[in-house]
Amino acid sequence: MNTKKTEIAAEIKQKNVIDMALTFTAMIRLFEKGSKTKISKKLYAEFQRLKDIRGLNDFYVFHETFCEWFTNNIKTAKKERDGKIIKQSEYSLYGHAAKLLDVTLKVYIYYSGLPDKNISEVLLPFLNTAIDNPILKHLKRIFPNENVSSKTVEQIDKNTYKKLQQLIKTDIMTNFSNNILPTQYDDIMWYRLNREQ
């Protein structure tokens, strides 16, 4: 098989998976027009560096670097009702960035086994749960003494995000005997909580 054609096919596959993952997040509508292309290009470039992640600290740096880029470069869409602006466009918040990245990483690594099987097996334990509003509400209900003030993903800042990921690990240990990964928790809780609504 032609090596150049194989490389092109692999690149297109990665870009298509990223595109599908962005659609799966159901978040693109929250951002300014043209943001999907900008986000897709950045994710593709960043995901080329996944092979260099050797440990949890490397993953944290990777995650935070993307979220900082996102909050400095991607703006929310302005909201209008009856021809009047009810909310101006502003730079996205950490909760937006983290959820979008966590869902995209899950689809890319966990569901699709990219960039390849060996690398995805190394990275899988590092991935975080993609926190959506139902998971946030669930965590606040089962950990009432943790004083999480965020009511929506949009209100989650970096410190709250880290705290919520720790609460998820506690819930995994307590209710799943520490036998699942945060990405699996994400799938299980998304399935359960969305059927409760």
Foldseek 3Di string as FASTA:
>chain_A
DDPVVVVVVLLVVLLVLLLVLLVVLVCPLFWDPPVSVVLSVVVSVLQVCLLVDQDLVSVVVSLVVQLVCQQVPIWTPFDDDPRHTPGHIHRAASLSSNLSVLSSCCSAQVVPVPPHVVSSVSCQQNGAARDFQLLVVVLCVVCVVVPDPDNGSRPDHPVNVVVSRVSLCVCCCVVVVVPDGNPVVNVVSCVVRVVVD
